[in-house]
Amino acid sequence: MSIIEAYNEAWDTANAEALDEIIHDDFVFNPHVGGHTMSKSDMMGFVSGDSMPTSENNRILFENDEVGVAHSIVHFANDSDSEAVMSFMRFKDGKIISMETGATPLSEDYKLVG
């Protein structure tokens, strides 16, 4: 299983143990909003909290041993618009060491086609 596949499966099932194994201890997340940088503990907090985003239509656009690019539709628990999210990840020691996202907000009446 690829690193991104393992990450998506762990995230979708809220499997904190699996996610802990996939995310590097030196992980840095630069999300597309807020201008904040998050750590591994911040990401792990999403899994154990009530505000965990969910995703659908997860796709791996590219992945090798060093980097990965993925796309998904993400739904947020804070009632904000769902977004089409592109993620760029760097890998180290077979784990995700950094992630950066870019996103496009979707209208409330969007429909996933395909």
PDB file of N, CA and C in Angstrom:
ATOM      1  N   MET A   1       0.860  -1.179   0.000  1.00  0.00           N
ATOM      2  CA  MET A   1       0.000   0.000   0.000  1.00  0.00           C
ATOM      3  C   MET A   1       0.902   1.238   0.000  1.00  0.00           C
ATOM      4  N   SER A   2       0.534   2.209  -0.796  1.00  0.00           N
ATOM      5  CA  SER A   2       1.316   3.447  -0.865  1.00  0.00           C
ATOM      6  C   SER A   2       1.149   4.254   0.422  1.00  0.00           C
ATOM      7  N   ILE A   3       2.055   5.201   0.628  1.00  0.00           N
ATOM      8  CA  ILE A   3       1.985   6.056   1.819  1.00  0.00           C
ATOM      9  C   ILE A   3       0.685   6.852   1.815  1.00  0.00           C
ATOM     10  N   ILE A   4       0.311   7.409   0.671  1.00  0.00           N
ATOM     11  CA  ILE A   4      -0.911   8.205   0.607  1.00  0.00           C
ATOM     12  C   ILE A   4      -2.145   7.332   0.821  1.00  0.00           C
ATOM     13  N   GLU A   5      -2.156   6.134   0.244  1.00  0.00           N
ATOM     14  CA  GLU A   5      -3.282   5.223   0.485  1.00  0.00           C
ATOM     15  C   GLU A   5      -3.417   4.900   1.967  1.00  0.00           C
ATOM     16  N   ALA A   6      -2.292   4.628   2.618  1.00  0.00           N
ATOM     17  CA  ALA A   6      -2.317   4.319   4.048  1.00  0.00           C
ATOM     18  C   ALA A   6      -2.806   5.519   4.856  1.00  0.00           C
ATOM     19  N   TYR A   7      -2.360   6.722   4.480  1.00  0.00           N
ATOM     20  CA  TYR A   7      -2.800   7.946   5.159  1.00  0.00           C
ATOM     21  C   TYR A   7      -4.315   8.130   4.982  1.00  0.00           C
ATOM     22  N   ASN A   8      -4.803   8.012   3.744  1.00  0.00           N
ATOM     23  CA  ASN A   8      -6.238   8.184   3.489  1.00  0.00           C
ATOM     24  C   ASN A   8      -7.073   7.183   4.272  1.00  0.00           C
ATOM     25  N   GLU A   9      -6.635   5.929   4.298  1.00  0.00           N
ATOM     26  CA  GLU A   9      -7.377   4.894   5.027  1.00  0.00           C
ATOM     27  C   GLU A   9      -7.388   5.195   6.529  1.00  0.00           C
ATOM     28  N   ALA A  10      -6.230   5.579   7.079  1.00  0.00           N
ATOM     29  CA  ALA A  10      -6.155   5.898   8.506  1.00  0.00           C
ATOM     30  C   ALA A  10      -7.030   7.102   8.835  1.00  0.00           C
ATOM     31  N   TRP A  11      -6.995   8.116   7.978  1.00  0.00           N
ATOM     32  CA  TRP A  11      -7.792   9.324   8.210  1.00  0.00           C
ATOM     33  C   TRP A  11      -9.283   9.009   8.120  1.00  0.00           C
ATOM     34  N   ASP A  12      -9.673   8.280   7.063  1.00  0.00           N
ATOM     35  CA  ASP A  12     -11.096   7.991   6.843  1.00  0.00           C
ATOM     36  C   ASP A  12     -11.699   7.132   7.944  1.00  0.00           C
ATOM     37  N   THR A  13     -10.885   6.318   8.588  1.00  0.00           N
ATOM     38  CA  THR A  13     -11.388   5.452   9.658  1.00  0.00           C
ATOM     39  C   THR A  13     -11.055   6.003  11.042  1.00  0.00           C
ATOM     40  N   ALA A  14     -10.478   7.208  11.099  1.00  0.00           N
ATOM     41  CA  ALA A  14     -10.072   7.850  12.358  1.00  0.00           C
ATOM     42  C   ALA A  14      -9.195   6.916  13.192  1.00  0.00           C
ATOM     43  N   ASN A  15      -8.291   6.227  12.514  1.00  0.00           N
ATOM     44  CA  ASN A  15      -7.393   5.279  13.159  1.00  0.00           C
ATOM     45  C   ASN A  15      -6.140   6.015  13.617  1.00  0.00           C
ATOM     46  N   ALA A  16      -6.158   6.484  14.848  1.00  0.00           N
ATOM     47  CA  ALA A  16      -5.055   7.296  15.372  1.00  0.00           C
ATOM     48  C   ALA A  16      -3.743   6.522  15.422  1.00  0.00           C
ATOM     49  N   GLU A  17      -3.795   5.234  15.746  1.00  0.00           N
ATOM     50  CA  GLU A  17      -2.567   4.431  15.798  1.00  0.00           C
ATOM     51  C   GLU A  17      -1.911   4.347  14.426  1.00  0.00           C
ATOM     52  N   ALA A  18      -2.710   4.078  13.399  1.00  0.00           N
ATOM     53  CA  ALA A  18      -2.163   3.988  12.043  1.00  0.00           C
ATOM     54  C   ALA A  18      -1.649   5.344  11.582  1.00  0.00           C
ATOM     55  N   LEU A  19      -2.381   6.395  11.894  1.00  0.00           N
ATOM     56  CA  LEU A  19      -1.964   7.735  11.501  1.00  0.00           C
ATOM     57  C   LEU A  19      -0.654   8.120  12.191  1.00  0.00           C
ATOM     58  N   ASP A  20      -0.508   7.727  13.434  1.00  0.00           N
ATOM     59  CA  ASP A  20       0.717   7.996  14.176  1.00  0.00           C
ATOM     60  C   ASP A  20       1.921   7.327  13.513  1.00  0.00           C
ATOM     61  N   GLU A  21       1.708   6.165  12.907  1.00  0.00           N
ATOM     62  CA  GLU A  21       2.789   5.447  12.221  1.00  0.00           C
ATOM     63  C   GLU A  21       3.119   6.052  10.860  1.00  0.00           C
ATOM     64  N   ILE A  22       2.163   6.723  10.245  1.00  0.00           N
ATOM     65  CA  ILE A  22       2.335   7.269   8.893  1.00  0.00           C
ATOM     66  C   ILE A  22       2.933   8.669   8.920  1.00  0.00           C
ATOM     67  N   ILE A  23       2.655   9.422   9.976  1.00  0.00           N
ATOM     68  CA  ILE A  23       3.135  10.801  10.070  1.00  0.00           C
ATOM     69  C   ILE A  23       4.462  10.826  10.835  1.00  0.00           C
ATOM     70  N   HIS A  24       5.459  11.400  10.220  1.00  0.00           N
ATOM     71  CA  HIS A  24       6.801  11.512  10.808  1.00  0.00           C
ATOM     72  C   HIS A  24       6.759  12.387  12.053  1.00  0.00           C
ATOM     73  N   ASP A  25       7.614  12.090  13.027  1.00  0.00           N
ATOM     74  CA  ASP A  25       7.646  12.878  14.265  1.00  0.00           C
ATOM     75  C   ASP A  25       7.998  14.341  14.015  1.00  0.00           C
ATOM     76  N   ASP A  26       8.746  14.626  12.942  1.00  0.00           N
ATOM     77  CA  ASP A  26       9.140  16.002  12.603  1.00  0.00           C
ATOM     78  C   ASP A  26       8.190  16.647  11.591  1.00  0.00           C
ATOM     79  N   PHE A  27       6.992  16.106  11.470  1.00  0.00           N
ATOM     80  CA  PHE A  27       5.994  16.557  10.499  1.00  0.00           C
ATOM     81  C   PHE A  27       5.665  18.045  10.644  1.00  0.00           C
ATOM     82  N   VAL A  28       5.522  18.706   9.491  1.00  0.00           N
ATOM     83  CA  VAL A  28       5.100  20.105   9.422  1.00  0.00           C
ATOM     84  C   VAL A  28       3.973  20.198   8.398  1.00  0.00           C
ATOM     85  N   PHE A  29       2.862  20.811   8.790  1.00  0.00           N
ATOM     86  CA  PHE A  29       1.713  20.984   7.898  1.00  0.00           C
ATOM     87  C   PHE A  29       1.483  22.477   7.688  1.00  0.00           C
ATOM     88  N   ASN A  30       1.491  22.892   6.428  1.00  0.00           N
ATOM     89  CA  ASN A  30       1.185  24.270   6.050  1.00  0.00           C
ATOM     90  C   ASN A  30      -0.148  24.265   5.312  1.00  0.00           C
ATOM     91  N   PRO A  31      -1.258  24.460   6.037  1.00  0.00           N
ATOM     92  CA  PRO A  31      -2.569  24.454   5.384  1.00  0.00           C
ATOM     93  C   PRO A  31      -2.789  25.715   4.561  1.00  0.00           C
ATOM     94  N   HIS A  32      -3.772  25.634   3.709  1.00  0.00           N
ATOM     95  CA  HIS A  32      -4.074  26.717   2.770  1.00  0.00           C
ATOM     96  C   HIS A  32      -4.818  27.883   3.420  1.00  0.00           C
ATOM     97  N   VAL A  33      -5.191  27.758   4.657  1.00  0.00           N
ATOM     98  CA  VAL A  33      -5.899  28.836   5.355  1.00  0.00           C
ATOM     99  C   VAL A  33      -5.234  29.136   6.690  1.00  0.00           C
ATOM    100  N   GLY A  34      -5.432  30.321   7.180  1.00  0.00           N
ATOM    101  CA  GLY A  34      -5.021  30.666   8.529  1.00  0.00           C
ATOM    102  C   GLY A  34      -3.601  31.128   8.707  1.00  0.00           C
ATOM    103  N   GLY A  35      -2.707  30.832   7.766  1.00  0.00           N
ATOM    104  CA  GLY A  35      -1.333  31.259   7.901  1.00  0.00           C
ATOM    105  C   GLY A  35      -0.596  30.614   9.060  1.00  0.00           C
ATOM    106  N   HIS A  36      -1.065  29.461   9.518  1.00  0.00           N
ATOM    107  CA  HIS A  36      -0.441  28.770  10.637  1.00  0.00           C
ATOM    108  C   HIS A  36       0.270  27.515  10.144  1.00  0.00           C
ATOM    109  N   THR A  37       1.311  27.143  10.847  1.00  0.00           N
ATOM    110  CA  THR A  37       1.983  25.881  10.601  1.00  0.00           C
ATOM    111  C   THR A  37       1.607  24.942  11.733  1.00  0.00           C
ATOM    112  N   MET A  38       1.296  23.698  11.385  1.00  0.00           N
ATOM    113  CA  MET A  38       0.888  22.715  12.386  1.00  0.00           C
ATOM    114  C   MET A  38       1.927  21.610  12.484  1.00  0.00           C
ATOM    115  N   SER A  39       1.937  20.943  13.630  1.00  0.00           N
ATOM    116  CA  SER A  39       2.860  19.847  13.892  1.00  0.00           C
ATOM    117  C   SER A  39       2.111  18.505  13.858  1.00  0.00           C
ATOM    118  N   LYS A  40       2.844  17.447  14.106  1.00  0.00           N
ATOM    119  CA  LYS A  40       2.225  16.125  14.178  1.00  0.00           C
ATOM    120  C   LYS A  40       1.160  16.088  15.273  1.00  0.00           C
ATOM    121  N   SER A  41       1.458  16.664  16.420  1.00  0.00           N
ATOM    122  CA  SER A  41       0.482  16.631  17.516  1.00  0.00           C
ATOM    123  C   SER A  41      -0.795  17.390  17.151  1.00  0.00           C
ATOM    124  N   ASP A  42      -0.664  18.467  16.380  1.00  0.00           N
ATOM    125  CA  ASP A  42      -1.855  19.197  15.919  1.00  0.00           C
ATOM    126  C   ASP A  42      -2.705  18.309  15.010  1.00  0.00           C
ATOM    127  N   MET A  43      -2.057  17.617  14.078  1.00  0.00           N
ATOM    128  CA  MET A  43      -2.785  16.725  13.167  1.00  0.00           C
ATOM    129  C   MET A  43      -3.446  15.591  13.942  1.00  0.00           C
ATOM    130  N   MET A  44      -2.731  15.032  14.908  1.00  0.00           N
ATOM    131  CA  MET A  44      -3.290  13.939  15.691  1.00  0.00           C
ATOM    132  C   MET A  44      -4.488  14.428  16.514  1.00  0.00           C
ATOM    133  N   GLY A  45      -4.486  15.702  16.887  1.00  0.00           N
ATOM    134  CA  GLY A  45      -5.603  16.274  17.615  1.00  0.00           C
ATOM    135  C   GLY A  45      -6.895  16.264  16.817  1.00  0.00           C
ATOM    136  N   PHE A  46      -6.784  16.393  15.487  1.00  0.00           N
ATOM    137  CA  PHE A  46      -7.982  16.331  14.642  1.00  0.00           C
ATOM    138  C   PHE A  46      -8.658  14.965  14.751  1.00  0.00           C
ATOM    139  N   VAL A  47      -7.860  13.912  14.798  1.00  0.00           N
ATOM    140  CA  VAL A  47      -8.406  12.560  14.811  1.00  0.00           C
ATOM    141  C   VAL A  47      -9.158  12.279  16.100  1.00  0.00           C
ATOM    142  N   SER A  48      -8.676  12.822  17.191  1.00  0.00           N
ATOM    143  CA  SER A  48      -9.331  12.559  18.470  1.00  0.00           C
ATOM    144  C   SER A  48     -10.398  13.584  18.823  1.00  0.00           C
ATOM    145  N   GLY A  49     -10.511  14.643  18.025  1.00  0.00           N
ATOM    146  CA  GLY A  49     -11.476  15.693  18.321  1.00  0.00           C
ATOM    147  C   GLY A  49     -12.793  15.527  17.591  1.00  0.00           C
ATOM    148  N   ASP A  50     -13.706  16.435  17.888  1.00  0.00           N
ATOM    149  CA  ASP A  50     -15.032  16.407  17.270  1.00  0.00           C
ATOM    150  C   ASP A  50     -15.081  17.169  15.951  1.00  0.00           C
ATOM    151  N   SER A  51     -14.013  17.824  15.576  1.00  0.00           N
ATOM    152  CA  SER A  51     -14.039  18.661  14.373  1.00  0.00           C
ATOM    153  C   SER A  51     -13.213  18.070  13.230  1.00  0.00           C
ATOM    154  N   MET A  52     -13.135  16.750  13.174  1.00  0.00           N
ATOM    155  CA  MET A  52     -12.339  16.098  12.138  1.00  0.00           C
ATOM    156  C   MET A  52     -12.997  16.244  10.772  1.00  0.00           C
ATOM    157  N   PRO A  53     -12.281  16.817   9.804  1.00  0.00           N
ATOM    158  CA  PRO A  53     -12.816  16.896   8.446  1.00  0.00           C
ATOM    159  C   PRO A  53     -12.961  15.490   7.847  1.00  0.00           C
ATOM    160  N   THR A  54     -13.901  15.331   6.939  1.00  0.00           N
ATOM    161  CA  THR A  54     -14.047  14.072   6.202  1.00  0.00           C
ATOM    162  C   THR A  54     -13.761  14.345   4.733  1.00  0.00           C
ATOM    163  N   SER A  55     -13.448  13.293   3.996  1.00  0.00           N
ATOM    164  CA  SER A  55     -13.135  13.488   2.579  1.00  0.00           C
ATOM    165  C   SER A  55     -13.818  12.428   1.729  1.00  0.00           C
ATOM    166  N   GLU A  56     -13.902  12.727   0.459  1.00  0.00           N
ATOM    167  CA  GLU A  56     -14.437  11.778  -0.520  1.00  0.00           C
ATOM    168  C   GLU A  56     -13.691  11.974  -1.830  1.00  0.00           C
ATOM    169  N   ASN A  57     -13.835  11.000  -2.706  1.00  0.00           N
ATOM    170  CA  ASN A  57     -13.209  11.047  -4.027  1.00  0.00           C
ATOM    171  C   ASN A  57     -11.689  11.281  -3.912  1.00  0.00           C
ATOM    172  N   ASN A  58     -11.056  10.574  -2.971  1.00  0.00           N
ATOM    173  CA  ASN A  58      -9.612  10.683  -2.799  1.00  0.00           C
ATOM    174  C   ASN A  58      -8.892  10.106  -4.013  1.00  0.00           C
ATOM    175  N   ARG A  59      -7.973  10.895  -4.547  1.00  0.00           N
ATOM    176  CA  ARG A  59      -7.208  10.449  -5.712  1.00  0.00           C
ATOM    177  C   ARG A  59      -5.733  10.738  -5.495  1.00  0.00           C
ATOM    178  N   ILE A  60      -4.904   9.790  -5.891  1.00  0.00           N
ATOM    179  CA  ILE A  60      -3.456   9.997  -5.877  1.00  0.00           C
ATOM    180  C   ILE A  60      -3.065  10.384  -7.293  1.00  0.00           C
ATOM    181  N   LEU A  61      -2.548  11.600  -7.442  1.00  0.00           N
ATOM    182  CA  LEU A  61      -2.163  12.082  -8.759  1.00  0.00           C
ATOM    183  C   LEU A  61      -0.729  11.699  -9.107  1.00  0.00           C
ATOM    184  N   PHE A  62       0.119  11.624  -8.084  1.00  0.00           N
ATOM    185  CA  PHE A  62       1.510  11.216  -8.278  1.00  0.00           C
ATOM    186  C   PHE A  62       2.080  10.804  -6.931  1.00  0.00           C
ATOM    187  N   GLU A  63       2.899   9.755  -6.946  1.00  0.00           N
ATOM    188  CA  GLU A  63       3.588   9.361  -5.729  1.00  0.00           C
ATOM    189  C   GLU A  63       4.830   8.558  -6.081  1.00  0.00           C
ATOM    190  N   ASN A  64       5.947   8.907  -5.436  1.00  0.00           N
ATOM    191  CA  ASN A  64       7.150   8.090  -5.483  1.00  0.00           C
ATOM    192  C   ASN A  64       7.715   8.023  -4.071  1.00  0.00           C
ATOM    193  N   ASP A  65       8.964   7.642  -3.902  1.00  0.00           N
ATOM    194  CA  ASP A  65       9.532   7.500  -2.556  1.00  0.00           C
ATOM    195  C   ASP A  65       9.808   8.831  -1.865  1.00  0.00           C
ATOM    196  N   GLU A  66       9.803   9.924  -2.617  1.00  0.00           N
ATOM    197  CA  GLU A  66      10.158  11.227  -2.061  1.00  0.00           C
ATOM    198  C   GLU A  66       8.989  12.177  -1.876  1.00  0.00           C
ATOM    199  N   VAL A  67       8.026  12.159  -2.817  1.00  0.00           N
ATOM    200  CA  VAL A  67       6.908  13.108  -2.781  1.00  0.00           C
ATOM    201  C   VAL A  67       5.614  12.450  -3.244  1.00  0.00           C
ATOM    202  N   GLY A  68       4.505  13.119  -2.918  1.00  0.00           N
ATOM    203  CA  GLY A  68       3.207  12.675  -3.393  1.00  0.00           C
ATOM    204  C   GLY A  68       2.283  13.865  -3.587  1.00  0.00           C
ATOM    205  N   VAL A  69       1.369  13.734  -4.538  1.00  0.00           N
ATOM    206  CA  VAL A  69       0.368  14.757  -4.813  1.00  0.00           C
ATOM    207  C   VAL A  69      -0.990  14.061  -4.814  1.00  0.00           C
ATOM    208  N   ALA A  70      -1.926  14.605  -4.049  1.00  0.00           N
ATOM    209  CA  ALA A  70      -3.246  13.995  -3.942  1.00  0.00           C
ATOM    210  C   ALA A  70      -4.326  15.060  -4.053  1.00  0.00           C
ATOM    211  N   HIS A  71      -5.535  14.617  -4.385  1.00  0.00           N
ATOM    212  CA  HIS A  71      -6.675  15.520  -4.508  1.00  0.00           C
ATOM    213  C   HIS A  71      -7.886  14.846  -3.876  1.00  0.00           C
ATOM    214  N   SER A  72      -8.718  15.631  -3.198  1.00  0.00           N
ATOM    215  CA  SER A  72      -9.944  15.100  -2.610  1.00  0.00           C
ATOM    216  C   SER A  72     -10.945  16.222  -2.379  1.00  0.00           C
ATOM    217  N   ILE A  73     -12.160  15.828  -2.116  1.00  0.00           N
ATOM    218  CA  ILE A  73     -13.208  16.758  -1.696  1.00  0.00           C
ATOM    219  C   ILE A  73     -13.287  16.648  -0.180  1.00  0.00           C
ATOM    220  N   VAL A  74     -13.112  17.770   0.511  1.00  0.00           N
ATOM    221  CA  VAL A  74     -13.057  17.761   1.974  1.00  0.00           C
ATOM    222  C   VAL A  74     -14.259  18.506   2.537  1.00  0.00           C
ATOM    223  N   HIS A  75     -14.875  17.903   3.538  1.00  0.00           N
ATOM    224  CA  HIS A  75     -16.022  18.479   4.234  1.00  0.00           C
ATOM    225  C   HIS A  75     -15.596  18.776   5.672  1.00  0.00           C
ATOM    226  N   PHE A  76     -15.904  19.978   6.131  1.00  0.00           N
ATOM    227  CA  PHE A  76     -15.458  20.430   7.441  1.00  0.00           C
ATOM    228  C   PHE A  76     -16.598  20.414   8.445  1.00  0.00           C
ATOM    229  N   ALA A  77     -16.277  20.147   9.704  1.00  0.00           N
ATOM    230  CA  ALA A  77     -17.275  20.063  10.772  1.00  0.00           C
ATOM    231  C   ALA A  77     -17.740  21.432  11.241  1.00  0.00           C
ATOM    232  N   ASN A  78     -17.058  22.506  10.829  1.00  0.00           N
ATOM    233  CA  ASN A  78     -17.407  23.846  11.322  1.00  0.00           C
ATOM    234  C   ASN A  78     -18.414  24.552  10.409  1.00  0.00           C
ATOM    235  N   ASP A  79     -19.088  23.792   9.558  1.00  0.00           N
ATOM    236  CA  ASP A  79     -20.121  24.308   8.658  1.00  0.00           C
ATOM    237  C   ASP A  79     -19.600  25.237   7.567  1.00  0.00           C
ATOM    238  N   SER A  80     -18.287  25.265   7.333  1.00  0.00           N
ATOM    239  CA  SER A  80     -17.776  26.040   6.204  1.00  0.00           C
ATOM    240  C   SER A  80     -18.015  25.250   4.925  1.00  0.00           C
ATOM    241  N   ASP A  81     -17.907  25.920   3.782  1.00  0.00           N
ATOM    242  CA  ASP A  81     -18.108  25.241   2.502  1.00  0.00           C
ATOM    243  C   ASP A  81     -17.108  24.111   2.337  1.00  0.00           C
ATOM    244  N   SER A  82     -17.553  23.047   1.700  1.00  0.00           N
ATOM    245  CA  SER A  82     -16.639  21.971   1.336  1.00  0.00           C
ATOM    246  C   SER A  82     -15.644  22.522   0.331  1.00  0.00           C
ATOM    247  N   GLU A  83     -14.486  21.859   0.229  1.00  0.00           N
ATOM    248  CA  GLU A  83     -13.432  22.338  -0.657  1.00  0.00           C
ATOM    249  C   GLU A  83     -12.845  21.198  -1.467  1.00  0.00           C
ATOM    250  N   ALA A  84     -12.417  21.539  -2.672  1.00  0.00           N
ATOM    251  CA  ALA A  84     -11.595  20.634  -3.472  1.00  0.00           C
ATOM    252  C   ALA A  84     -10.156  20.927  -3.050  1.00  0.00           C
ATOM    253  N   VAL A  85      -9.483  19.944  -2.460  1.00  0.00           N
ATOM    254  CA  VAL A  85      -8.176  20.172  -1.848  1.00  0.00           C
ATOM    255  C   VAL A  85      -7.076  19.398  -2.583  1.00  0.00           C
ATOM    256  N   MET A  86      -6.034  20.116  -2.947  1.00  0.00           N
ATOM    257  CA  MET A  86      -4.833  19.527  -3.526  1.00  0.00           C
ATOM    258  C   MET A  86      -3.776  19.501  -2.430  1.00  0.00           C
ATOM    259  N   SER A  87      -3.152  18.348  -2.219  1.00  0.00           N
ATOM    260  CA  SER A  87      -2.130  18.201  -1.182  1.00  0.00           C
ATOM    261  C   SER A  87      -0.803  17.795  -1.815  1.00  0.00           C
ATOM    262  N   PHE A  88       0.257  18.453  -1.380  1.00  0.00           N
ATOM    263  CA  PHE A  88       1.616  18.089  -1.773  1.00  0.00           C
ATOM    264  C   PHE A  88       2.324  17.600  -0.523  1.00  0.00           C
ATOM    265  N   MET A  89       2.873  16.393  -0.593  1.00  0.00           N
ATOM    266  CA  MET A  89       3.524  15.783   0.566  1.00  0.00           C
ATOM    267  C   MET A  89       4.959  15.419   0.243  1.00  0.00           C
ATOM    268  N   ARG A  90       5.810  15.567   1.242  1.00  0.00           N
ATOM    269  CA  ARG A  90       7.189  15.083   1.170  1.00  0.00           C
ATOM    270  C   ARG A  90       7.299  13.911   2.146  1.00  0.00           C
ATOM    271  N   PHE A  91       8.089  12.904   1.747  1.00  0.00           N
ATOM    272  CA  PHE A  91       8.251  11.714   2.563  1.00  0.00           C
ATOM    273  C   PHE A  91       9.685  11.591   3.073  1.00  0.00           C
ATOM    274  N   LYS A  92       9.810  11.030   4.260  1.00  0.00           N
ATOM    275  CA  LYS A  92      11.119  10.720   4.830  1.00  0.00           C
ATOM    276  C   LYS A  92      10.962   9.451   5.655  1.00  0.00           C
ATOM    277  N   ASP A  93      11.841   8.511   5.453  1.00  0.00           N
ATOM    278  CA  ASP A  93      11.794   7.236   6.187  1.00  0.00           C
ATOM    279  C   ASP A  93      10.455   6.528   6.008  1.00  0.00           C
ATOM    280  N   GLY A  94       9.837   6.668   4.827  1.00  0.00           N
ATOM    281  CA  GLY A  94       8.567   6.009   4.548  1.00  0.00           C
ATOM    282  C   GLY A  94       7.371   6.629   5.234  1.00  0.00           C
ATOM    283  N   LYS A  95       7.541   7.860   5.740  1.00  0.00           N
ATOM    284  CA  LYS A  95       6.453   8.561   6.433  1.00  0.00           C
ATOM    285  C   LYS A  95       6.285   9.960   5.836  1.00  0.00           C
ATOM    286  N   ILE A  96       5.149  10.579   6.115  1.00  0.00           N
ATOM    287  CA  ILE A  96       4.900  11.943   5.646  1.00  0.00           C
ATOM    288  C   ILE A  96       5.590  12.905   6.600  1.00  0.00           C
ATOM    289  N   ILE A  97       6.548  13.680   6.077  1.00  0.00           N
ATOM    290  CA  ILE A  97       7.263  14.642   6.917  1.00  0.00           C
ATOM    291  C   ILE A  97       6.743  16.064   6.720  1.00  0.00           C
ATOM    292  N   SER A  98       6.153  16.337   5.555  1.00  0.00           N
ATOM    293  CA  SER A  98       5.546  17.653   5.370  1.00  0.00           C
ATOM    294  C   SER A  98       4.366  17.550   4.414  1.00  0.00           C
ATOM    295  N   MET A  99       3.423  18.469   4.611  1.00  0.00           N
ATOM    296  CA  MET A  99       2.239  18.543   3.749  1.00  0.00           C
ATOM    297  C   MET A  99       1.865  20.005   3.584  1.00  0.00           C
ATOM    298  N   GLU A 100       1.509  20.345   2.361  1.00  0.00           N
ATOM    299  CA  GLU A 100       1.016  21.684   2.060  1.00  0.00           C
ATOM    300  C   GLU A 100      -0.216  21.526   1.193  1.00  0.00           C
ATOM    301  N   THR A 101      -1.234  22.341   1.448  1.00  0.00           N
ATOM    302  CA  THR A 101      -2.475  22.216   0.683  1.00  0.00           C
ATOM    303  C   THR A 101      -2.846  23.508  -0.015  1.00  0.00           C
ATOM    304  N   GLY A 102      -3.611  23.355  -1.065  1.00  0.00           N
ATOM    305  CA  GLY A 102      -4.266  24.444  -1.763  1.00  0.00           C
ATOM    306  C   GLY A 102      -5.697  23.995  -1.984  1.00  0.00           C
ATOM    307  N   ALA A 103      -6.640  24.922  -2.003  1.00  0.00           N
ATOM    308  CA  ALA A 103      -8.039  24.504  -2.076  1.00  0.00           C
ATOM    309  C   ALA A 103      -8.903  25.488  -2.839  1.00  0.00           C
ATOM    310  N   THR A 104     -10.002  24.955  -3.357  1.00  0.00           N
ATOM    311  CA  THR A 104     -11.029  25.749  -4.012  1.00  0.00           C
ATOM    312  C   THR A 104     -12.343  25.486  -3.289  1.00  0.00           C
ATOM    313  N   PRO A 105     -12.971  26.525  -2.691  1.00  0.00           N
ATOM    314  CA  PRO A 105     -14.263  26.328  -2.029  1.00  0.00           C
ATOM    315  C   PRO A 105     -15.309  25.894  -3.055  1.00  0.00           C
ATOM    316  N   LEU A 106     -16.192  25.015  -2.628  1.00  0.00           N
ATOM    317  CA  LEU A 106     -17.280  24.522  -3.480  1.00  0.00           C
ATOM    318  C   LEU A 106     -18.587  25.106  -2.987  1.00  0.00           C
ATOM    319  N   SER A 107     -19.509  25.322  -3.914  1.00  0.00           N
ATOM    320  CA  SER A 107     -20.808  25.883  -3.519  1.00  0.00           C
ATOM    321  C   SER A 107     -21.586  24.854  -2.698  1.00  0.00           C
ATOM    322  N   GLU A 108     -22.551  25.340  -1.949  1.00  0.00           N
ATOM    323  CA  GLU A 108     -23.349  24.474  -1.096  1.00  0.00           C
ATOM    324  C   GLU A 108     -24.104  23.418  -1.884  1.00  0.00           C
ATOM    325  N   ASP A 109     -24.438  23.683  -3.136  1.00  0.00           N
ATOM    326  CA  ASP A 109     -25.227  22.742  -3.928  1.00  0.00           C
ATOM    327  C   ASP A 109     -24.380  21.943  -4.917  1.00  0.00           C
ATOM    328  N   TYR A 110     -23.080  21.819  -4.673  1.00  0.00           N
ATOM    329  CA  TYR A 110     -22.244  21.067  -5.605  1.00  0.00           C
ATOM    330  C   TYR A 110     -22.652  19.606  -5.593  1.00  0.00           C
ATOM    331  N   LYS A 111     -22.396  18.953  -6.697  1.00  0.00           N
ATOM    332  CA  LYS A 111     -22.655  17.529  -6.801  1.00  0.00           C
ATOM    333  C   LYS A 111     -21.412  16.880  -7.379  1.00  0.00           C
ATOM    334  N   LEU A 112     -20.964  15.817  -6.736  1.00  0.00           N
ATOM    335  CA  LEU A 112     -19.824  15.064  -7.221  1.00  0.00           C
ATOM    336  C   LEU A 112     -20.289  14.206  -8.390  1.00  0.00           C
ATOM    337  N   VAL A 113     -19.700  14.394  -9.546  1.00  0.00           N
ATOM    338  CA  VAL A 113     -20.115  13.693 -10.759  1.00  0.00           C
ATOM    339  C   VAL A 113     -19.025  12.688 -11.133  1.00  0.00           C
ATOM    340  N   GLY A 114     -19.432  11.518 -11.514  1.00  0.00           N
ATOM    341  CA  GLY A 114     -18.447  10.540 -12.001  1.00  0.00           C
ATOM    342  C   GLY A 114     -18.441   9.270 -11.224  1.00  0.00           C
TER     343      GLY A 114
END
